[in-house]
Amino acid sequence: MCRMLIAIGNMPSDAIIDGMIKMASDRNTQHELNQNVLGTFRHGDGWGVAYFDSQGKWRVKKSTQALYEDPSLNSFRSQAGRIVLIHARKKTKGNISLMNTHPFHASLPGGGDFVFAHNGTINDKIKHHLSFKVQGSTDSEQLFYALLSTLHDQATKPTVEALHQTLAGYEDYIGTNIILASMKTTFVATKKPIANPWYYQMSLGMRKDGVIVSSEPISLAGVSWSVITAGDIVEIDNATLAVKIHTFKDTSVPQNLLLVKSS
């Protein structure tokens, strides 16, 4: 379980970090798991940031402290680049350690440098190429390698189709939302949750100079928010900020389950 977001473009770092702190400390939005009492379902089992620096490389910082208690997070108020991915963990599989902390970072043989974050739990056996060496004990890291393995094996297939095919293969899960970002493109893929639809829904925020996808809407000036329908995959061009939403008919959920409840 987690709270996560990715911001692309000219988004204010202070507001993004403040919003992430509110999400991680469970002071932002009501959902099934905080039982309408904010602050009772905190995500304090480590945090991580990945950002694209001025040299065109991913930089990843991780901590095993609670995001809302770690003063080192404040350094990213001035360091973060044009693409910023932040993840706050609430562990379900694997202990608290840097190896189990998101985001994960890996490259494809022959090209392609990616960062990845996941919210959810998959109990199915997850298969991936043996060239990817698992460092931790989470299903999330293995899912990342499974997605990259599919992208490698099906290089001629559109990335969206490869992502959907991989996620559709898992049946024993609770919820599964992923953020997969490269230098050029960001993908946010969602899967219909078995339970807790408010907790697992993702939201898309847009304004003229930026795009953000987040576990919960946060306070950002000029941003218009909308709920991502469970099962959809959002594709973002990191340079132009163009957004495409890919819909798959078999994974929708009733619209009355997609209400955003904000405090």
C-alpha atoms as a PDB file:
ATOM      1  CA  MET A   1       0.000   0.000   0.000  1.00  0.00           C
ATOM      2  CA  CYS A   2       1.206   3.510  -0.622  1.00  0.00           C
ATOM      3  CA  ARG A   3       0.565   7.061  -1.618  1.00  0.00           C
ATOM      4  CA  MET A   4       2.367   8.170  -4.746  1.00  0.00           C
ATOM      5  CA  LEU A   5       2.463  10.881  -7.375  1.00  0.00           C
ATOM      6  CA  ILE A   6       4.349  11.933 -10.463  1.00  0.00           C
ATOM      7  CA  ALA A   7       4.550  15.559 -11.561  1.00  0.00           C
ATOM      8  CA  ILE A   8       5.736  16.602 -15.018  1.00  0.00           C
ATOM      9  CA  GLY A   9       6.446  20.094 -16.286  1.00  0.00           C
ATOM     10  CA  ASN A  10       6.585  23.361 -14.391  1.00  0.00           C
ATOM     11  CA  MET A  11       4.936  22.251 -11.170  1.00  0.00           C
ATOM     12  CA  PRO A  12       5.720  23.992  -7.835  1.00  0.00           C
ATOM     13  CA  SER A  13       8.016  21.759  -5.772  1.00  0.00           C
ATOM     14  CA  ASP A  14       6.890  23.198  -2.442  1.00  0.00           C
ATOM     15  CA  ALA A  15       3.220  22.486  -3.089  1.00  0.00           C
ATOM     16  CA  ILE A  16       3.969  18.985  -4.385  1.00  0.00           C
ATOM     17  CA  ILE A  17       6.032  18.061  -1.327  1.00  0.00           C
ATOM     18  CA  ASP A  18       3.509  19.604   1.066  1.00  0.00           C
ATOM     19  CA  GLY A  19       0.741  17.650  -0.654  1.00  0.00           C
ATOM     20  CA  MET A  20       2.730  14.431  -0.454  1.00  0.00           C
ATOM     21  CA  ILE A  21       3.328  14.970   3.267  1.00  0.00           C
ATOM     22  CA  LYS A  22      -0.408  15.407   3.813  1.00  0.00           C
ATOM     23  CA  MET A  23      -1.150  12.221   1.858  1.00  0.00           C
ATOM     24  CA  ALA A  24       1.486  10.137   3.651  1.00  0.00           C
ATOM     25  CA  SER A  25       0.352  11.330   7.072  1.00  0.00           C
ATOM     26  CA  ASP A  26      -3.278  10.618   6.116  1.00  0.00           C
ATOM     27  CA  ARG A  27      -4.425  14.221   6.488  1.00  0.00           C
ATOM     28  CA  ASN A  28      -5.567  14.833   2.915  1.00  0.00           C
ATOM     29  CA  THR A  29      -8.487  12.660   1.808  1.00  0.00           C
ATOM     30  CA  GLN A  30     -11.048  10.339   3.330  1.00  0.00           C
ATOM     31  CA  HIS A  31     -11.373   6.767   2.059  1.00  0.00           C
ATOM     32  CA  GLU A  32     -12.414   3.332   3.307  1.00  0.00           C
ATOM     33  CA  LEU A  33      -9.220   2.661   5.269  1.00  0.00           C
ATOM     34  CA  ASN A  34      -9.166   5.737   7.481  1.00  0.00           C
ATOM     35  CA  GLN A  35     -12.815   5.178   8.442  1.00  0.00           C
ATOM     36  CA  ASN A  36     -13.653   8.844   7.963  1.00  0.00           C
ATOM     37  CA  VAL A  37     -11.124   9.847  10.639  1.00  0.00           C
ATOM     38  CA  LEU A  38      -8.090  11.492   9.081  1.00  0.00           C
ATOM     39  CA  GLY A  39      -4.695  10.510  10.459  1.00  0.00           C
ATOM     40  CA  THR A  40      -5.516   6.889  11.304  1.00  0.00           C
ATOM     41  CA  PHE A  41      -3.994   5.232   8.204  1.00  0.00           C
ATOM     42  CA  ARG A  42      -0.536   6.726   7.806  1.00  0.00           C
ATOM     43  CA  HIS A  43       2.080   5.587   5.285  1.00  0.00           C
ATOM     44  CA  GLY A  44       5.251   5.710   7.337  1.00  0.00           C
ATOM     45  CA  ASP A  45       7.340   2.719   6.215  1.00  0.00           C
ATOM     46  CA  GLY A  46       9.842   4.596   4.073  1.00  0.00           C
ATOM     47  CA  TRP A  47       9.776   6.950   1.129  1.00  0.00           C
ATOM     48  CA  GLY A  48      11.595   7.661  -2.095  1.00  0.00           C
ATOM     49  CA  VAL A  49      11.991  10.299  -4.787  1.00  0.00           C
ATOM     50  CA  ALA A  50      13.109   9.910  -8.396  1.00  0.00           C
ATOM     51  CA  TYR A  51      13.705  12.952 -10.549  1.00  0.00           C
ATOM     52  CA  PHE A  52      15.187  13.687 -13.949  1.00  0.00           C
ATOM     53  CA  ASP A  53      18.186  15.994 -13.551  1.00  0.00           C
ATOM     54  CA  SER A  54      19.698  18.592 -15.877  1.00  0.00           C
ATOM     55  CA  GLN A  55      22.176  16.008 -17.258  1.00  0.00           C
ATOM     56  CA  GLY A  56      19.318  13.816 -18.459  1.00  0.00           C
ATOM     57  CA  LYS A  57      19.761  11.130 -15.806  1.00  0.00           C
ATOM     58  CA  TRP A  58      17.462   9.686 -13.182  1.00  0.00           C
ATOM     59  CA  ARG A  59      18.433  10.492  -9.611  1.00  0.00           C
ATOM     60  CA  VAL A  60      16.869   8.357  -6.879  1.00  0.00           C
ATOM     61  CA  LYS A  61      16.837   9.067  -3.149  1.00  0.00           C
ATOM     62  CA  LYS A  62      15.348   6.656  -0.597  1.00  0.00           C
ATOM     63  CA  SER A  63      14.822   6.670   3.148  1.00  0.00           C
ATOM     64  CA  THR A  64      13.438   4.180   5.660  1.00  0.00           C
ATOM     65  CA  GLN A  65      12.042   6.987   7.795  1.00  0.00           C
ATOM     66  CA  ALA A  66       8.461   8.158   7.602  1.00  0.00           C
ATOM     67  CA  LEU A  67       8.201  10.784   4.878  1.00  0.00           C
ATOM     68  CA  TYR A  68       6.341  13.170   7.166  1.00  0.00           C
ATOM     69  CA  GLU A  69       9.074  12.912   9.837  1.00  0.00           C
ATOM     70  CA  ASP A  70      12.191  13.095   7.652  1.00  0.00           C
ATOM     71  CA  PRO A  71      13.685  16.604   7.288  1.00  0.00           C
ATOM     72  CA  SER A  72      15.889  15.474   4.381  1.00  0.00           C
ATOM     73  CA  LEU A  73      12.791  15.560   2.161  1.00  0.00           C
ATOM     74  CA  ASN A  74      12.999  19.351   2.272  1.00  0.00           C
ATOM     75  CA  SER A  75      16.126  19.325   0.095  1.00  0.00           C
ATOM     76  CA  PHE A  76      13.923  18.416  -2.872  1.00  0.00           C
ATOM     77  CA  ARG A  77      12.037  21.680  -2.596  1.00  0.00           C
ATOM     78  CA  SER A  78      14.885  23.195  -4.620  1.00  0.00           C
ATOM     79  CA  GLN A  79      16.529  20.157  -6.283  1.00  0.00           C
ATOM     80  CA  ALA A  80      13.641  18.480  -8.066  1.00  0.00           C
ATOM     81  CA  GLY A  81      13.626  18.604 -11.860  1.00  0.00           C
ATOM     82  CA  ARG A  82      11.018  18.638 -14.599  1.00  0.00           C
ATOM     83  CA  ILE A  83       9.856  15.093 -13.785  1.00  0.00           C
ATOM     84  CA  VAL A  84       9.416  14.107 -10.125  1.00  0.00           C
ATOM     85  CA  LEU A  85       8.114  10.782  -8.774  1.00  0.00           C
ATOM     86  CA  ILE A  86       7.449  10.467  -5.017  1.00  0.00           C
ATOM     87  CA  HIS A  87       6.316   7.357  -3.139  1.00  0.00           C
ATOM     88  CA  ALA A  88       5.401   6.857   0.534  1.00  0.00           C
ATOM     89  CA  ARG A  89       5.193   3.219   1.586  1.00  0.00           C
ATOM     90  CA  LYS A  90       2.868   1.314   3.902  1.00  0.00           C
ATOM     91  CA  LYS A  91       4.344  -2.173   3.851  1.00  0.00           C
ATOM     92  CA  THR A  92       2.363  -5.309   3.055  1.00  0.00           C
ATOM     93  CA  LYS A  93       5.147  -7.554   1.711  1.00  0.00           C
ATOM     94  CA  GLY A  94       8.746  -7.196   2.808  1.00  0.00           C
ATOM     95  CA  ASN A  95      10.216  -5.451   5.843  1.00  0.00           C
ATOM     96  CA  ILE A  96      11.234  -1.812   6.109  1.00  0.00           C
ATOM     97  CA  SER A  97      14.488  -1.458   4.179  1.00  0.00           C
ATOM     98  CA  LEU A  98      15.983   0.635   1.406  1.00  0.00           C
ATOM     99  CA  MET A  99      15.835  -2.370  -0.932  1.00  0.00           C
ATOM    100  CA  ASN A 100      12.064  -2.556  -0.456  1.00  0.00           C
ATOM    101  CA  THR A 101      11.520   1.186  -0.810  1.00  0.00           C
ATOM    102  CA  HIS A 102      10.172   2.679  -4.025  1.00  0.00           C
ATOM    103  CA  PRO A 103      10.832   4.068  -6.603  1.00  0.00           C
ATOM    104  CA  PHE A 104      12.774   1.314  -8.320  1.00  0.00           C
ATOM    105  CA  HIS A 105      15.192   2.107 -11.145  1.00  0.00           C
ATOM    106  CA  ALA A 106      16.364  -0.211 -13.941  1.00  0.00           C
ATOM    107  CA  SER A 107      17.336  -0.250 -17.599  1.00  0.00           C
ATOM    108  CA  LEU A 108      16.360  -2.485 -20.481  1.00  0.00           C
ATOM    109  CA  PRO A 109      19.075  -4.328 -22.389  1.00  0.00           C
ATOM    110  CA  GLY A 110      19.657  -2.340 -25.539  1.00  0.00           C
ATOM    111  CA  GLY A 111      18.217   0.907 -24.195  1.00  0.00           C
ATOM    112  CA  GLY A 112      15.506   2.383 -22.051  1.00  0.00           C
ATOM    113  CA  ASP A 113      15.990   3.757 -18.547  1.00  0.00           C
ATOM    114  CA  PHE A 114      12.942   3.549 -16.246  1.00  0.00           C
ATOM    115  CA  VAL A 115      11.733   4.376 -12.763  1.00  0.00           C
ATOM    116  CA  PHE A 116       8.738   2.649 -11.209  1.00  0.00           C
ATOM    117  CA  ALA A 117       6.353   2.849  -8.265  1.00  0.00           C
ATOM    118  CA  HIS A 118       3.420   0.636  -7.307  1.00  0.00           C
ATOM    119  CA  ASN A 119       0.398   0.757  -5.026  1.00  0.00           C
ATOM    120  CA  GLY A 120      -1.281  -2.559  -4.289  1.00  0.00           C
ATOM    121  CA  THR A 121      -0.574  -6.187  -3.494  1.00  0.00           C
ATOM    122  CA  ILE A 122      -0.158  -9.069  -5.947  1.00  0.00           C
ATOM    123  CA  ASN A 123      -0.175 -12.593  -4.546  1.00  0.00           C
ATOM    124  CA  ASP A 124       0.267 -14.415  -7.872  1.00  0.00           C
ATOM    125  CA  LYS A 125       3.703 -15.716  -8.782  1.00  0.00           C
ATOM    126  CA  ILE A 126       5.438 -12.980 -10.760  1.00  0.00           C
ATOM    127  CA  LYS A 127       7.797 -14.090 -13.520  1.00  0.00           C
ATOM    128  CA  HIS A 128      10.511 -12.002 -15.156  1.00  0.00           C
ATOM    129  CA  HIS A 129      13.818 -12.384 -16.960  1.00  0.00           C
ATOM    130  CA  LEU A 130      16.615 -13.754 -14.820  1.00  0.00           C
ATOM    131  CA  SER A 131      18.813 -10.876 -15.984  1.00  0.00           C
ATOM    132  CA  PHE A 132      16.941  -8.693 -13.494  1.00  0.00           C
ATOM    133  CA  LYS A 133      18.386  -9.361 -10.051  1.00  0.00           C
ATOM    134  CA  VAL A 134      15.826  -8.917  -7.282  1.00  0.00           C
ATOM    135  CA  GLN A 135      17.342  -7.009  -4.361  1.00  0.00           C
ATOM    136  CA  GLY A 136      14.400  -6.859  -1.963  1.00  0.00           C
ATOM    137  CA  SER A 137      11.385  -8.947  -0.992  1.00  0.00           C
ATOM    138  CA  THR A 138       8.436  -7.017  -2.431  1.00  0.00           C
ATOM    139  CA  ASP A 139       5.985  -7.971  -5.129  1.00  0.00           C
ATOM    140  CA  SER A 140       6.441  -4.420  -6.443  1.00  0.00           C
ATOM    141  CA  GLU A 141      10.073  -4.865  -7.481  1.00  0.00           C
ATOM    142  CA  GLN A 142       9.233  -8.161  -9.168  1.00  0.00           C
ATOM    143  CA  LEU A 143       6.287  -6.555 -10.980  1.00  0.00           C
ATOM    144  CA  PHE A 144       8.608  -3.843 -12.295  1.00  0.00           C
ATOM    145  CA  TYR A 145      10.927  -6.479 -13.743  1.00  0.00           C
ATOM    146  CA  ALA A 146       7.980  -8.410 -15.188  1.00  0.00           C
ATOM    147  CA  LEU A 147       6.796  -5.283 -17.002  1.00  0.00           C
ATOM    148  CA  LEU A 148      10.280  -4.574 -18.335  1.00  0.00           C
ATOM    149  CA  SER A 149      10.598  -8.202 -19.446  1.00  0.00           C
ATOM    150  CA  THR A 150       7.379  -7.880 -21.453  1.00  0.00           C
ATOM    151  CA  LEU A 151       8.545  -4.608 -22.992  1.00  0.00           C
ATOM    152  CA  HIS A 152      11.786  -6.293 -24.027  1.00  0.00           C
ATOM    153  CA  ASP A 153      10.114  -9.399 -25.446  1.00  0.00           C
ATOM    154  CA  GLN A 154       7.421  -7.467 -27.297  1.00  0.00           C
ATOM    155  CA  ALA A 155       9.421  -4.476 -28.453  1.00  0.00           C
ATOM    156  CA  THR A 156       7.323  -4.083 -31.612  1.00  0.00           C
ATOM    157  CA  LYS A 157       4.074  -3.882 -29.640  1.00  0.00           C
ATOM    158  CA  PRO A 158       2.858  -0.505 -28.302  1.00  0.00           C
ATOM    159  CA  THR A 159       3.929  -0.033 -24.694  1.00  0.00           C
ATOM    160  CA  VAL A 160       0.341   0.484 -23.553  1.00  0.00           C
ATOM    161  CA  GLU A 161      -0.690  -2.921 -24.907  1.00  0.00           C
ATOM    162  CA  ALA A 162       2.290  -4.623 -23.283  1.00  0.00           C
ATOM    163  CA  LEU A 163       1.504  -3.045 -19.912  1.00  0.00           C
ATOM    164  CA  HIS A 164      -2.165  -3.991 -20.107  1.00  0.00           C
ATOM    165  CA  GLN A 165      -1.328  -7.556 -21.123  1.00  0.00           C
ATOM    166  CA  THR A 166       1.049  -7.989 -18.190  1.00  0.00           C
ATOM    167  CA  LEU A 167      -1.280  -6.551 -15.559  1.00  0.00           C
ATOM    168  CA  ALA A 168      -4.260  -8.499 -16.908  1.00  0.00           C
ATOM    169  CA  GLY A 169      -2.390 -11.728 -16.209  1.00  0.00           C
ATOM    170  CA  TYR A 170      -2.608 -11.305 -12.435  1.00  0.00           C
ATOM    171  CA  GLU A 171      -5.787 -12.521 -10.749  1.00  0.00           C
ATOM    172  CA  ASP A 172      -4.861 -12.881  -7.072  1.00  0.00           C
ATOM    173  CA  TYR A 173      -4.433  -9.275  -6.024  1.00  0.00           C
ATOM    174  CA  ILE A 174      -6.098  -6.555  -3.959  1.00  0.00           C
ATOM    175  CA  GLY A 175      -5.310  -3.440  -5.958  1.00  0.00           C
ATOM    176  CA  THR A 176      -2.670  -2.548  -8.509  1.00  0.00           C
ATOM    177  CA  ASN A 177      -1.740   0.901  -9.753  1.00  0.00           C
ATOM    178  CA  ILE A 178       1.661   1.558 -11.287  1.00  0.00           C
ATOM    179  CA  ILE A 179       3.720   4.519 -12.436  1.00  0.00           C
ATOM    180  CA  LEU A 180       6.350   3.714 -15.071  1.00  0.00           C
ATOM    181  CA  ALA A 181       8.401   6.616 -16.398  1.00  0.00           C
ATOM    182  CA  SER A 182      11.187   6.978 -18.941  1.00  0.00           C
ATOM    183  CA  MET A 183      12.887  10.118 -20.197  1.00  0.00           C
ATOM    184  CA  LYS A 184      10.275  10.582 -22.926  1.00  0.00           C
ATOM    185  CA  THR A 185       7.043   9.067 -21.631  1.00  0.00           C
ATOM    186  CA  THR A 186       5.176   8.393 -18.413  1.00  0.00           C
ATOM    187  CA  PHE A 187       2.595   5.619 -18.074  1.00  0.00           C
ATOM    188  CA  VAL A 188       0.151   5.304 -15.208  1.00  0.00           C
ATOM    189  CA  ALA A 189      -1.678   1.978 -15.359  1.00  0.00           C
ATOM    190  CA  THR A 190      -4.578   1.045 -13.115  1.00  0.00           C
ATOM    191  CA  LYS A 191      -6.339  -2.234 -12.441  1.00  0.00           C
ATOM    192  CA  LYS A 192      -9.833  -2.638 -11.015  1.00  0.00           C
ATOM    193  CA  PRO A 193      -9.380  -3.134  -7.248  1.00  0.00           C
ATOM    194  CA  ILE A 194     -10.917  -6.080  -5.457  1.00  0.00           C
ATOM    195  CA  ALA A 195     -11.738  -3.826  -2.490  1.00  0.00           C
ATOM    196  CA  ASN A 196     -11.422  -0.221  -1.288  1.00  0.00           C
ATOM    197  CA  PRO A 197     -12.054   1.609  -4.580  1.00  0.00           C
ATOM    198  CA  TRP A 198     -11.709   5.084  -3.055  1.00  0.00           C
ATOM    199  CA  TYR A 199      -8.316   4.220  -1.591  1.00  0.00           C
ATOM    200  CA  TYR A 200      -7.007   2.727  -4.830  1.00  0.00           C
ATOM    201  CA  GLN A 201      -8.341   5.294  -7.284  1.00  0.00           C
ATOM    202  CA  MET A 202      -5.868   7.597  -9.031  1.00  0.00           C
ATOM    203  CA  SER A 203      -6.474  11.196 -10.046  1.00  0.00           C
ATOM    204  CA  LEU A 204      -5.171  13.214 -12.995  1.00  0.00           C
ATOM    205  CA  GLY A 205      -4.416  16.913 -12.568  1.00  0.00           C
ATOM    206  CA  MET A 206      -3.727  19.247 -15.477  1.00  0.00           C
ATOM    207  CA  ARG A 207      -2.856  22.861 -16.081  1.00  0.00           C
ATOM    208  CA  LYS A 208      -1.255  24.692 -18.986  1.00  0.00           C
ATOM    209  CA  ASP A 209       2.353  24.107 -17.899  1.00  0.00           C
ATOM    210  CA  GLY A 210       2.157  20.789 -16.089  1.00  0.00           C
ATOM    211  CA  VAL A 211       0.549  17.403 -15.511  1.00  0.00           C
ATOM    212  CA  ILE A 212       0.316  15.439 -12.279  1.00  0.00           C
ATOM    213  CA  VAL A 213      -1.050  11.990 -11.453  1.00  0.00           C
ATOM    214  CA  SER A 214      -1.578  11.258  -7.779  1.00  0.00           C
ATOM    215  CA  SER A 215      -3.138   8.787  -5.371  1.00  0.00           C
ATOM    216  CA  GLU A 216      -5.184  11.741  -4.121  1.00  0.00           C
ATOM    217  CA  PRO A 217      -5.863  15.244  -5.443  1.00  0.00           C
ATOM    218  CA  ILE A 218      -3.637  17.786  -3.690  1.00  0.00           C
ATOM    219  CA  SER A 219      -3.809  21.555  -3.495  1.00  0.00           C
ATOM    220  CA  LEU A 220      -2.095  23.037  -6.582  1.00  0.00           C
ATOM    221  CA  ALA A 221      -2.925  26.429  -8.052  1.00  0.00           C
ATOM    222  CA  GLY A 222      -4.626  26.273 -11.430  1.00  0.00           C
ATOM    223  CA  VAL A 223      -4.849  22.480 -11.556  1.00  0.00           C
ATOM    224  CA  SER A 224      -8.077  20.827 -12.696  1.00  0.00           C
ATOM    225  CA  TRP A 225      -8.522  17.313 -11.289  1.00  0.00           C
ATOM    226  CA  SER A 226     -10.381  14.297 -12.657  1.00  0.00           C
ATOM    227  CA  VAL A 227     -10.632  10.670 -11.535  1.00  0.00           C
ATOM    228  CA  ILE A 228      -8.896   8.013 -13.648  1.00  0.00           C
ATOM    229  CA  THR A 229     -11.341   5.187 -14.298  1.00  0.00           C
ATOM    230  CA  ALA A 230     -10.067   1.918 -12.849  1.00  0.00           C
ATOM    231  CA  GLY A 231      -8.590  -0.146 -15.675  1.00  0.00           C
ATOM    232  CA  ASP A 232      -7.470   2.797 -17.795  1.00  0.00           C
ATOM    233  CA  ILE A 233      -3.871   3.556 -18.713  1.00  0.00           C
ATOM    234  CA  VAL A 234      -2.739   7.179 -18.889  1.00  0.00           C
ATOM    235  CA  GLU A 235       0.089   8.007 -21.299  1.00  0.00           C
ATOM    236  CA  ILE A 236       1.905  11.343 -20.933  1.00  0.00           C
ATOM    237  CA  ASP A 237       4.414  12.845 -23.346  1.00  0.00           C
ATOM    238  CA  ASN A 238       6.972  14.321 -20.963  1.00  0.00           C
ATOM    239  CA  ALA A 239       8.090  16.977 -23.471  1.00  0.00           C
ATOM    240  CA  THR A 240       4.775  18.252 -24.832  1.00  0.00           C
ATOM    241  CA  LEU A 241       2.600  17.309 -21.804  1.00  0.00           C
ATOM    242  CA  ALA A 242       0.094  15.708 -24.187  1.00  0.00           C
ATOM    243  CA  VAL A 243      -2.112  13.198 -22.360  1.00  0.00           C
ATOM    244  CA  LYS A 244      -3.780  10.114 -23.834  1.00  0.00           C
ATOM    245  CA  ILE A 245      -6.171   7.917 -21.873  1.00  0.00           C
ATOM    246  CA  HIS A 246      -6.423   4.322 -23.060  1.00  0.00           C
ATOM    247  CA  THR A 247      -9.597   2.497 -22.022  1.00  0.00           C
ATOM    248  CA  PHE A 248     -10.066  -1.256 -21.784  1.00  0.00           C
ATOM    249  CA  LYS A 249     -13.689  -2.347 -21.687  1.00  0.00           C
ATOM    250  CA  ASP A 250     -13.330  -5.315 -19.365  1.00  0.00           C
ATOM    251  CA  THR A 251     -11.882  -3.452 -16.386  1.00  0.00           C
ATOM    252  CA  SER A 252     -14.349  -0.655 -15.637  1.00  0.00           C
ATOM    253  CA  VAL A 253     -16.104  -0.279 -12.284  1.00  0.00           C
ATOM    254  CA  PRO A 254     -19.459   1.278 -11.438  1.00  0.00           C
ATOM    255  CA  GLN A 255     -19.250   5.068 -11.539  1.00  0.00           C
ATOM    256  CA  ASN A 256     -20.736   5.407  -8.055  1.00  0.00           C
ATOM    257  CA  LEU A 257     -17.538   3.834  -6.699  1.00  0.00           C
ATOM    258  CA  LEU A 258     -15.357   6.508  -8.263  1.00  0.00           C
ATOM    259  CA  LEU A 259     -16.361   9.484  -6.139  1.00  0.00           C
ATOM    260  CA  VAL A 260     -13.481  11.570  -4.801  1.00  0.00           C
ATOM    261  CA  LYS A 261     -13.995  12.434  -1.141  1.00  0.00           C
ATOM    262  CA  SER A 262     -11.755  15.337  -0.172  1.00  0.00           C
ATOM    263  CA  SER A 263     -11.318  17.031   3.159  1.00  0.00           C
END
